Amino acid sequence: MKRALTVLAVLAFAGCSGTTASATPQAPVSTPVTGTSAAPAAAATIDMTDPITVWIDQPRQPAIDAYIKAHPGTDKLIKSVIVDREQFPAKVLLFNNTGSGWPDVTFAEPRLVARVADNAHNYPLDLTTVIPADQLANYDGQSNCTFNGKVFCVRNDLAPQVTYYNKTLMDKFGYTVPTTFEDMQALSDKVAAEHPGYLLGTLGDGWSFLSFFEASGCPTAQVVDAGTLKIDMTDPTCVRAANLVDHMIANKTLWNTDYFDASFVKQGNADKILMLIAPNWAALGTFKGTYYTDKTPTTITSHALGVAAPLKWAADATAQTGAMGGAAWTISQHTKNVSLSADLVEWVTQNADLWKGTTNYPSYKPLQPLFQTAVASDPIFASDPYPAMKTAAGEISPLDNWPRFDLVAPFTTVIKDAYSKKQTVLATLPEVTTALTPLAEAQGYNVVSK
């Protein structure tokens, strides 16, 4: 980011406006307030000769516009294109076949970056060659951008799972917020006996599956190296997570759908959600507006939502948490303008003016207090949520480094099968291995269990 723009040649390309395409539904996001001041410049230069194409979603367009406004002359060089980024891996293969067309910069989740980092796609540039090490060290959540020691993306924002709780109800019922999963199970028994109908969470799709199993350290799809994937559903960390959710399903404190299913939303509307493990954006993107609507009395919503750090298992030294969302920026190794591509990526992830007022949690550590300023005073919160969310940002599980294929759909199928067959999640765990093994092998992985 800290590069001075130097005109090296006459600008030869006219700027193009971004085109539109259908967008894949994403987690609720808010667009940062855009600023115009650049950070202090350093001595490095930007190539002002070769244009770049940047693939983004619609909420990122103001960030690109702000960069162009802060860096005169780049309007002739930067073409932004709004795309469905789920098509990113397939498009890269197409461009590889034709020998042209690769976007220079792409905004996408790390799970998608993983899918273009293999030999067949061979898309991303190792960013350790263009971004200083001291800057890379200032990004949280970089483990799932790092592949065999190479950094193929930098995180834009983070969406770690945190522990939400209804402080009003917890105080009323005389309950203490759990800090371990063992405490959570014990609380579920109390709730089931003393306040039946109240919920401590939900398990009904791949994301909610990960909220328990990734947080337990279960190697459902652990990337060992570029060619090896570990799947071991007999591991004790998988068994303990399965036993926990089976226990809570049995005592009816765990719902059976995803976060947005109408039946679960109805429970939220009725103020029946006592606790929920969900991503950090869920506070203002789901509780506010979906579970708590404009029809919900303020006596229920005012300063009611507590946010605690991720739960840990008693035997574990530290907590680890899953994540649901949070994207990244990656640069193509085919780009002819590495300097402009890198400067753009650094600026949109590091510029304080750009991120003022954001309700997305920045990956770049020096910007994270801006998130606190933006959200801490929201009347939905029982107290400042920032400390818990900051803790969670540093506890994202290493297992959040996804393989080169989707995990959510197969995990969803496994959980739905358990319900439809009326069998326990523990008994259904072998289906994870059955579902993922052919997907892994199709991507060139050697699947191991130990």
Protein backbone atom coordinates (compact mmCIF):
# COMPACT_ATOMS: atom_id res chain seq x y z
CA MET A 1 0.00 0.00 0.00
CA LYS A 2 2.77 2.40 0.88
CA ARG A 3 3.98 3.04 -2.63
CA ALA A 4 4.13 6.33 -4.45
CA LEU A 5 2.45 6.48 -7.84
CA THR A 6 4.97 7.31 -10.53
CA VAL A 7 3.95 7.81 -14.15
CA LEU A 8 6.28 5.57 -16.13
CA ALA A 9 4.65 5.81 -19.54
CA VAL A 10 1.84 7.44 -21.44
CA LEU A 11 -1.48 5.91 -20.47
CA ALA A 12 -2.59 3.81 -23.41
CA PHE A 13 -5.73 2.13 -22.20
CA ALA A 14 -9.10 3.67 -21.52
CA GLY A 15 -10.89 2.65 -18.34
CA CYS A 16 -13.92 0.41 -18.56
CA SER A 17 -16.89 0.30 -16.24
CA GLY A 18 -17.52 -2.94 -14.39
CA THR A 19 -20.01 -5.38 -15.86
CA THR A 20 -22.63 -7.15 -13.80
CA ALA A 21 -23.40 -10.80 -13.27
CA SER A 22 -25.57 -12.75 -10.90
CA ALA A 23 -24.01 -12.94 -7.46
CA THR A 24 -23.92 -15.95 -5.21
CA PRO A 25 -25.75 -15.23 -1.93
CA GLN A 26 -23.26 -14.30 0.76
CA ALA A 27 -23.37 -13.63 4.46
CA PRO A 28 -24.86 -10.21 5.26
CA VAL A 29 -22.29 -7.51 4.71
CA SER A 30 -22.09 -3.76 4.99
CA THR A 31 -20.08 -1.50 2.74
CA PRO A 32 -17.31 0.42 4.52
CA VAL A 33 -17.51 4.20 4.46
CA THR A 34 -15.12 5.19 1.71
CA GLY A 35 -12.41 7.75 2.26
CA THR A 36 -10.10 9.49 -0.14
CA SER A 37 -6.83 9.91 1.69
CA ALA A 38 -4.03 7.49 0.95
CA ALA A 39 -1.63 6.26 3.58
CA PRO A 40 1.85 7.83 3.73
CA ALA A 41 3.83 6.85 0.66
CA ALA A 42 7.13 5.01 0.58
CA ALA A 43 9.83 4.96 -2.04
CA ALA A 44 8.60 2.07 -4.19
CA THR A 45 6.93 2.80 -7.52
CA ILE A 46 3.83 1.67 -9.33
CA ASP A 47 3.83 0.57 -12.94
CA MET A 48 1.47 2.97 -14.69
CA THR A 49 1.70 1.17 -18.04
CA ASP A 50 -0.23 -2.09 -17.88
CA PRO A 51 -3.92 -2.20 -16.98
CA ILE A 52 -5.40 -4.69 -14.53
CA THR A 53 -8.77 -6.42 -14.24
CA VAL A 54 -10.22 -6.86 -10.76
CA TRP A 55 -12.97 -9.38 -10.04
CA ILE A 56 -15.18 -8.32 -7.13
CA ASP A 57 -18.68 -8.48 -5.72
CA GLN A 58 -20.95 -5.44 -5.64
CA PRO A 59 -20.16 -4.41 -2.03
CA ARG A 60 -16.47 -4.10 -2.95
CA GLN A 61 -17.09 -1.58 -5.76
CA PRO A 62 -16.92 1.47 -3.45
CA ALA A 63 -13.51 0.32 -2.23
CA ILE A 64 -12.19 0.16 -5.79
CA ASP A 65 -13.72 3.57 -6.52
CA ALA A 66 -12.07 4.99 -3.41
CA TYR A 67 -8.67 3.63 -4.43
CA ILE A 68 -8.99 5.19 -7.88
CA LYS A 69 -10.06 8.51 -6.38
CA ALA A 70 -7.09 8.50 -4.01
CA HIS A 71 -4.66 7.56 -6.79
CA PRO A 72 -5.14 9.84 -9.83
CA GLY A 73 -4.43 8.19 -13.15
CA THR A 74 -5.41 4.69 -12.10
CA ASP A 75 -8.91 5.13 -13.54
CA LYS A 76 -7.38 4.39 -16.94
CA LEU A 77 -5.75 1.23 -15.64
CA ILE A 78 -8.24 -0.50 -13.35
CA LYS A 79 -11.24 -2.35 -14.74
CA SER A 80 -13.54 -3.81 -12.08
CA VAL A 81 -15.89 -6.63 -12.99
CA ILE A 82 -18.73 -7.84 -10.75
CA VAL A 83 -18.79 -11.63 -10.90
CA ASP A 84 -20.24 -14.72 -9.30
CA ARG A 85 -17.04 -15.79 -7.57
CA GLU A 86 -18.25 -19.36 -7.14
CA GLN A 87 -17.41 -19.65 -10.85
CA PHE A 88 -13.83 -18.53 -10.22
CA PRO A 89 -12.17 -22.02 -10.26
CA ALA A 90 -13.96 -23.10 -13.46
CA LYS A 91 -13.16 -19.82 -15.18
CA VAL A 92 -9.46 -20.16 -14.35
CA LEU A 93 -9.36 -23.56 -16.05
CA LEU A 94 -10.99 -22.01 -19.11
CA PHE A 95 -8.44 -19.19 -19.19
CA ASN A 96 -5.64 -21.72 -18.80
CA ASN A 97 -6.92 -23.50 -21.91
CA THR A 98 -7.13 -20.30 -23.95
CA GLY A 99 -3.95 -18.79 -22.55
CA SER A 100 -5.53 -15.46 -21.63
CA GLY A 101 -8.34 -13.81 -19.66
CA TRP A 102 -7.16 -14.29 -16.08
CA PRO A 103 -8.21 -11.49 -13.71
CA ASP A 104 -5.20 -9.79 -12.17
CA VAL A 105 -6.84 -9.47 -8.76
CA THR A 106 -9.76 -11.47 -7.36
CA PHE A 107 -11.88 -11.02 -4.25
CA ALA A 108 -12.91 -14.47 -2.98
CA GLU A 109 -13.08 -16.63 0.10
CA PRO A 110 -9.91 -18.57 0.99
CA ARG A 111 -11.80 -21.81 0.28
CA LEU A 112 -12.05 -20.69 -3.35
CA VAL A 113 -8.41 -19.61 -3.42
CA ALA A 114 -7.54 -23.15 -2.30
CA ARG A 115 -9.34 -24.49 -5.35
CA VAL A 116 -7.19 -22.47 -7.76
CA ALA A 117 -3.90 -23.21 -5.98
CA ASP A 118 -3.35 -26.71 -7.36
CA ASN A 119 -1.23 -27.61 -10.38
CA ALA A 120 -4.23 -27.73 -12.70
CA HIS A 121 -5.33 -24.16 -11.92
CA ASN A 122 -1.96 -22.70 -10.92
CA TYR A 123 -3.46 -19.22 -10.51
CA PRO A 124 -2.21 -17.37 -7.40
CA LEU A 125 0.98 -15.41 -6.92
CA ASP A 126 2.99 -16.01 -3.74
CA LEU A 127 2.42 -12.71 -1.95
CA THR A 128 5.54 -13.06 0.15
CA THR A 129 7.35 -11.88 -2.98
CA VAL A 130 5.43 -8.59 -3.19
CA ILE A 131 4.09 -7.68 0.28
CA PRO A 132 6.59 -7.00 3.08
CA ALA A 133 6.74 -9.59 5.83
CA ASP A 134 5.95 -7.05 8.55
CA GLN A 135 2.72 -6.17 6.77
CA LEU A 136 1.73 -9.82 6.23
CA ALA A 137 2.26 -10.43 9.94
CA ASN A 138 -0.40 -7.83 10.72
CA TYR A 139 -3.22 -9.86 9.12
CA ASP A 140 -5.26 -12.19 11.33
CA GLY A 141 -6.63 -15.42 9.88
CA GLN A 142 -3.81 -16.00 7.41
CA SER A 143 -3.48 -19.73 8.04
CA ASN A 144 -6.10 -20.51 5.42
CA CYS A 145 -4.34 -18.28 2.89
CA THR A 146 -1.07 -20.14 3.36
CA PHE A 147 -0.31 -23.23 1.29
CA ASN A 148 2.96 -25.14 1.77
CA GLY A 149 4.63 -22.00 3.06
CA LYS A 150 3.36 -19.81 0.24
CA VAL A 151 0.91 -17.00 0.95
CA PHE A 152 -1.66 -16.98 -1.83
CA CYS A 153 -4.06 -14.39 -0.42
CA VAL A 154 -4.49 -11.76 2.28
CA ARG A 155 -7.63 -11.68 4.34
CA ASN A 156 -10.05 -8.81 3.88
CA ASP A 157 -12.33 -9.51 6.81
CA LEU A 158 -12.92 -12.30 9.29
CA ALA A 159 -16.04 -14.17 10.34
CA PRO A 160 -15.06 -16.42 13.26
CA GLN A 161 -17.74 -18.14 15.26
CA VAL A 162 -18.42 -16.59 18.67
CA THR A 163 -20.74 -17.48 21.52
CA TYR A 164 -23.93 -15.43 21.54
CA TYR A 165 -26.19 -15.49 24.56
CA ASN A 166 -29.34 -13.75 25.69
CA LYS A 167 -28.12 -11.91 28.77
CA THR A 168 -31.60 -10.87 29.85
CA LEU A 169 -32.81 -14.46 29.94
CA MET A 170 -29.58 -15.88 31.36
CA ASP A 171 -29.83 -13.44 34.26
CA LYS A 172 -33.52 -14.13 34.71
CA PHE A 173 -32.97 -17.89 34.82
CA GLY A 174 -29.90 -17.61 37.02
CA TYR A 175 -27.56 -19.28 34.50
CA THR A 176 -23.87 -18.66 33.95
CA VAL A 177 -22.52 -18.35 30.41
CA PRO A 178 -20.52 -21.51 29.59
CA THR A 179 -16.82 -21.28 28.81
CA THR A 180 -16.37 -24.94 27.81
CA PHE A 181 -18.39 -27.38 25.75
CA GLU A 182 -18.73 -29.55 28.84
CA ASP A 183 -20.36 -26.57 30.57
CA MET A 184 -22.62 -26.15 27.56
CA GLN A 185 -23.80 -29.76 27.83
CA ALA A 186 -24.47 -29.37 31.54
CA LEU A 187 -26.41 -26.17 30.90
CA SER A 188 -28.46 -27.95 28.24
CA ASP A 189 -29.69 -30.40 30.86
CA LYS A 190 -30.70 -27.56 33.17
CA VAL A 191 -32.52 -25.73 30.38
CA ALA A 192 -34.29 -28.89 29.26
CA ALA A 193 -35.50 -29.57 32.81
CA GLU A 194 -36.24 -26.04 33.99
CA HIS A 195 -37.12 -24.11 30.83
CA PRO A 196 -38.09 -26.54 28.08
CA GLY A 197 -38.45 -24.93 24.68
CA TYR A 198 -35.44 -22.66 24.99
CA LEU A 199 -32.51 -23.37 22.69
CA LEU A 200 -28.73 -23.38 22.96
CA GLY A 201 -28.14 -23.61 19.23
CA THR A 202 -28.94 -25.42 16.02
CA LEU A 203 -27.46 -28.18 13.88
CA GLY A 204 -28.96 -28.61 10.44
CA ASP A 205 -26.45 -27.85 7.69
CA GLY A 206 -22.76 -27.89 6.86
CA TRP A 207 -22.01 -24.56 8.49
CA SER A 208 -23.61 -25.45 11.80
CA PHE A 209 -21.87 -28.84 11.60
CA LEU A 210 -18.54 -27.04 11.35
CA SER A 211 -19.41 -24.81 14.30
CA PHE A 212 -19.18 -27.89 16.51
CA PHE A 213 -16.76 -30.21 14.73
CA GLU A 214 -14.17 -27.69 13.60
CA ALA A 215 -14.25 -26.18 17.09
CA SER A 216 -13.45 -29.63 18.44
CA GLY A 217 -10.43 -30.10 16.17
CA CYS A 218 -12.08 -32.98 14.31
CA PRO A 219 -10.08 -33.88 11.17
CA THR A 220 -13.06 -34.04 8.82
CA ALA A 221 -10.93 -32.75 5.93
CA GLN A 222 -7.52 -31.75 7.27
CA VAL A 223 -5.10 -30.56 4.61
CA VAL A 224 -1.78 -32.24 5.47
CA ASP A 225 0.00 -30.96 2.37
CA ALA A 226 -0.81 -30.15 -1.24
CA GLY A 227 -1.39 -33.80 -2.09
CA THR A 228 -2.60 -35.32 1.19
CA LEU A 229 -5.93 -35.01 3.01
CA LYS A 230 -6.65 -36.54 6.39
CA ILE A 231 -10.18 -37.75 7.11
CA ASP A 232 -10.56 -39.57 10.42
CA MET A 233 -14.05 -39.51 11.86
CA THR A 234 -13.02 -42.01 14.54
CA ASP A 235 -10.69 -39.45 16.12
CA PRO A 236 -11.65 -38.67 19.74
CA THR A 237 -12.19 -35.02 18.82
CA CYS A 238 -14.90 -36.09 16.36
CA VAL A 239 -16.48 -38.50 18.81
CA ARG A 240 -16.74 -35.92 21.59
CA ALA A 241 -18.37 -33.38 19.26
CA ALA A 242 -20.85 -35.99 18.04
CA ASN A 243 -21.69 -37.05 21.59
CA LEU A 244 -22.30 -33.43 22.55
CA VAL A 245 -24.70 -32.66 19.72
CA ASP A 246 -26.48 -36.00 20.12
CA HIS A 247 -27.00 -35.22 23.81
CA MET A 248 -28.46 -31.80 23.02
CA ILE A 249 -30.62 -33.13 20.20
CA ALA A 250 -32.00 -35.70 22.61
CA ASN A 251 -32.86 -33.14 25.31
CA LYS A 252 -34.28 -30.79 22.66
CA THR A 253 -32.02 -27.81 23.33
CA LEU A 254 -30.53 -28.03 19.82
CA TRP A 255 -32.71 -27.12 16.82
CA ASN A 256 -32.40 -29.07 13.56
CA THR A 257 -32.04 -26.51 10.75
CA ASP A 258 -29.64 -23.89 9.45
CA TYR A 259 -29.51 -20.38 10.90
CA PHE A 260 -31.90 -18.92 8.33
CA ASP A 261 -34.59 -21.60 8.09
CA ALA A 262 -38.03 -20.14 8.75
CA SER A 263 -38.65 -22.50 11.66
CA PHE A 264 -35.48 -21.39 13.46
CA VAL A 265 -36.13 -17.74 12.68
CA LYS A 266 -39.53 -18.23 14.31
CA GLN A 267 -37.76 -19.39 17.48
CA GLY A 268 -35.69 -16.23 17.39
CA ASN A 269 -38.76 -14.10 16.89
CA ALA A 270 -40.28 -15.76 19.96
CA ASP A 271 -37.13 -15.01 22.00
CA LYS A 272 -36.37 -18.69 22.50
CA ILE A 273 -32.69 -18.55 21.54
CA LEU A 274 -30.83 -18.62 24.82
CA MET A 275 -27.43 -19.27 23.24
CA LEU A 276 -26.03 -19.73 19.74
CA ILE A 277 -22.61 -20.39 18.24
CA ALA A 278 -22.61 -18.26 15.09
CA PRO A 279 -20.28 -15.97 13.09
CA ASN A 280 -19.39 -12.49 14.27
CA TRP A 281 -21.53 -10.86 11.56
CA ALA A 282 -24.65 -12.58 12.89
CA ALA A 283 -25.08 -9.97 15.65
CA LEU A 284 -25.95 -7.12 13.31
CA GLY A 285 -26.74 -9.23 10.26
CA THR A 286 -29.05 -11.91 11.68
CA PHE A 287 -30.05 -11.27 15.30
CA LYS A 288 -30.74 -7.67 14.37
CA GLY A 289 -33.33 -7.65 11.63
CA THR A 290 -34.08 -11.38 11.40
CA TYR A 291 -34.42 -12.87 14.88
CA TYR A 292 -35.18 -9.46 16.38
CA THR A 293 -37.35 -7.44 14.00
CA ASP A 294 -38.98 -4.05 14.16
CA LYS A 295 -41.97 -5.87 15.65
CA THR A 296 -39.93 -7.18 18.57
CA PRO A 297 -40.48 -5.09 21.71
CA THR A 298 -37.44 -3.08 22.74
CA THR A 299 -37.90 -4.53 26.22
CA ILE A 300 -36.65 -7.78 24.66
CA THR A 301 -33.93 -6.46 22.36
CA SER A 302 -32.46 -3.54 24.29
CA HIS A 303 -28.98 -4.47 25.57
CA ALA A 304 -29.96 -8.14 25.52
CA LEU A 305 -27.39 -9.76 23.22
CA GLY A 306 -24.23 -10.89 24.94
CA VAL A 307 -21.13 -11.96 23.02
CA ALA A 308 -18.59 -14.31 24.62
CA ALA A 309 -15.37 -15.80 23.31
CA PRO A 310 -15.42 -19.20 21.59
CA LEU A 311 -15.98 -22.19 23.83
CA LYS A 312 -13.15 -24.65 24.40
CA TRP A 313 -12.98 -28.26 25.43
CA ALA A 314 -11.76 -28.74 28.98
CA ALA A 315 -8.89 -30.98 27.87
CA ASP A 316 -7.63 -28.48 25.30
CA ALA A 317 -5.14 -25.76 26.14
CA THR A 318 -6.93 -23.16 24.01
CA ALA A 319 -10.13 -22.72 22.07
CA GLN A 320 -10.34 -23.04 18.33
CA THR A 321 -13.30 -21.84 16.34
CA GLY A 322 -14.77 -22.26 12.92
CA ALA A 323 -15.56 -19.43 10.56
CA MET A 324 -18.46 -18.69 8.25
CA GLY A 325 -17.46 -16.22 5.60
CA GLY A 326 -14.73 -13.65 5.61
CA ALA A 327 -13.10 -13.18 2.25
CA ALA A 328 -9.65 -12.42 0.86
CA TRP A 329 -7.77 -10.88 -2.05
CA THR A 330 -5.55 -12.93 -4.34
CA ILE A 331 -3.29 -11.84 -7.20
CA SER A 332 -2.72 -13.79 -10.39
CA GLN A 333 0.77 -14.97 -11.20
CA HIS A 334 -0.12 -14.08 -14.80
CA THR A 335 -0.53 -10.37 -14.07
CA LYS A 336 1.66 -8.01 -16.07
CA ASN A 337 1.34 -5.34 -13.39
CA VAL A 338 2.35 -6.85 -10.08
CA SER A 339 3.07 -3.49 -8.45
CA LEU A 340 -0.36 -1.96 -9.10
CA SER A 341 -2.14 -5.21 -8.19
CA ALA A 342 -0.26 -5.45 -4.89
CA ASP A 343 -0.74 -1.79 -4.05
CA LEU A 344 -4.49 -2.08 -4.63
CA VAL A 345 -4.76 -5.17 -2.41
CA GLU A 346 -2.75 -3.58 0.38
CA TRP A 347 -4.69 -0.30 0.22
CA VAL A 348 -8.19 -1.80 0.30
CA THR A 349 -7.27 -4.00 3.28
CA GLN A 350 -5.22 -1.44 5.24
CA ASN A 351 -6.59 2.06 4.61
CA ALA A 352 -8.16 3.49 7.76
CA ASP A 353 -10.35 6.02 5.97
CA LEU A 354 -11.86 3.23 3.89
CA TRP A 355 -12.71 1.11 6.91
CA LYS A 356 -14.16 3.80 9.18
CA GLY A 357 -17.73 2.92 10.13
CA THR A 358 -17.48 -0.69 8.99
CA THR A 359 -19.44 -3.47 10.65
CA ASN A 360 -17.23 -6.07 8.95
CA TYR A 361 -14.38 -7.27 11.14
CA PRO A 362 -11.07 -6.26 9.50
CA SER A 363 -8.35 -8.84 9.19
CA TYR A 364 -5.67 -6.14 9.33
CA LYS A 365 -4.94 -5.77 13.04
CA PRO A 366 -4.30 -1.99 13.16
CA LEU A 367 -7.81 -1.43 11.76
CA GLN A 368 -9.68 -3.65 14.19
CA PRO A 369 -10.33 -0.89 16.77
CA LEU A 370 -12.37 0.84 14.04
CA PHE A 371 -14.80 -2.06 14.23
CA GLN A 372 -15.15 -1.53 17.95
CA THR A 373 -15.90 2.15 17.41
CA ALA A 374 -18.55 1.29 14.83
CA VAL A 375 -20.46 -1.38 16.74
CA ALA A 376 -19.88 -1.08 20.48
CA SER A 377 -22.61 1.49 21.05
CA ASP A 378 -25.32 -0.45 19.20
CA PRO A 379 -28.21 -0.87 21.67
CA ILE A 380 -28.62 -4.54 20.82
CA PHE A 381 -25.46 -5.44 22.75
CA ALA A 382 -25.48 -6.12 26.47
CA SER A 383 -21.86 -4.97 26.58
CA ASP A 384 -19.02 -4.18 24.20
CA PRO A 385 -18.73 -7.22 21.85
CA TYR A 386 -15.25 -6.29 20.63
CA PRO A 387 -13.13 -8.13 23.23
CA ALA A 388 -14.83 -11.46 22.51
CA MET A 389 -14.68 -10.94 18.76
CA LYS A 390 -11.02 -9.96 18.93
CA THR A 391 -10.30 -13.13 20.87
CA ALA A 392 -12.17 -15.19 18.29
CA ALA A 393 -10.22 -13.60 15.44
CA GLY A 394 -7.05 -15.04 16.93
CA GLU A 395 -8.55 -18.49 17.52
CA ILE A 396 -9.73 -19.47 14.05
CA SER A 397 -9.02 -23.18 13.70
CA PRO A 398 -6.17 -24.38 11.48
CA LEU A 399 -8.81 -26.73 10.07
CA ASP A 400 -10.41 -23.71 8.43
CA ASN A 401 -7.78 -24.22 5.72
CA TRP A 402 -10.15 -25.91 3.26
CA PRO A 403 -9.30 -28.49 0.61
CA ARG A 404 -9.91 -27.97 -3.11
CA PHE A 405 -13.60 -28.82 -2.95
CA ASP A 406 -16.73 -27.73 -1.14
CA LEU A 407 -17.45 -29.06 2.34
CA VAL A 408 -20.76 -27.43 3.19
CA ALA A 409 -22.97 -29.44 0.83
CA PRO A 410 -21.69 -32.90 1.84
CA PHE A 411 -21.82 -32.04 5.54
CA THR A 412 -25.38 -30.80 5.07
CA THR A 413 -26.31 -34.10 3.44
CA VAL A 414 -24.76 -36.08 6.29
CA ILE A 415 -26.70 -34.15 8.96
CA LYS A 416 -29.97 -34.33 7.07
CA ASP A 417 -29.46 -38.08 6.62
CA ALA A 418 -29.03 -38.49 10.36
CA TYR A 419 -32.35 -36.80 10.99
CA SER A 420 -34.21 -38.60 8.20
CA LYS A 421 -32.91 -42.01 9.30
CA LYS A 422 -33.58 -41.17 12.95
CA GLN A 423 -30.07 -42.16 13.93
CA THR A 424 -27.46 -40.41 16.02
CA VAL A 425 -24.86 -38.10 14.56
CA LEU A 426 -22.20 -40.41 16.00
CA ALA A 427 -23.63 -43.33 14.04
CA THR A 428 -23.70 -41.18 10.91
CA LEU A 429 -20.05 -40.04 11.04
CA PRO A 430 -18.80 -42.78 8.67
CA GLU A 431 -20.89 -41.09 5.96
CA VAL A 432 -18.49 -38.15 6.11
CA THR A 433 -15.66 -40.38 4.99
CA THR A 434 -17.83 -41.98 2.34
CA ALA A 435 -18.94 -38.60 0.98
CA LEU A 436 -15.60 -36.80 1.05
CA THR A 437 -13.19 -39.50 -0.12
CA PRO A 438 -14.23 -39.53 -3.80
CA LEU A 439 -14.35 -35.71 -3.85
CA ALA A 440 -10.84 -35.58 -2.46
CA GLU A 441 -9.49 -38.21 -4.85
CA ALA A 442 -11.03 -36.39 -7.79
CA GLN A 443 -8.92 -33.37 -6.78
CA GLY A 444 -5.75 -35.43 -6.65
CA TYR A 445 -5.52 -35.93 -2.90
CA ASN A 446 -4.19 -39.06 -1.28
CA VAL A 447 -6.69 -39.65 1.53
CA VAL A 448 -5.24 -40.89 4.81
CA SER A 449 -6.83 -41.58 8.18
CA LYS A 450 -3.82 -41.39 10.48
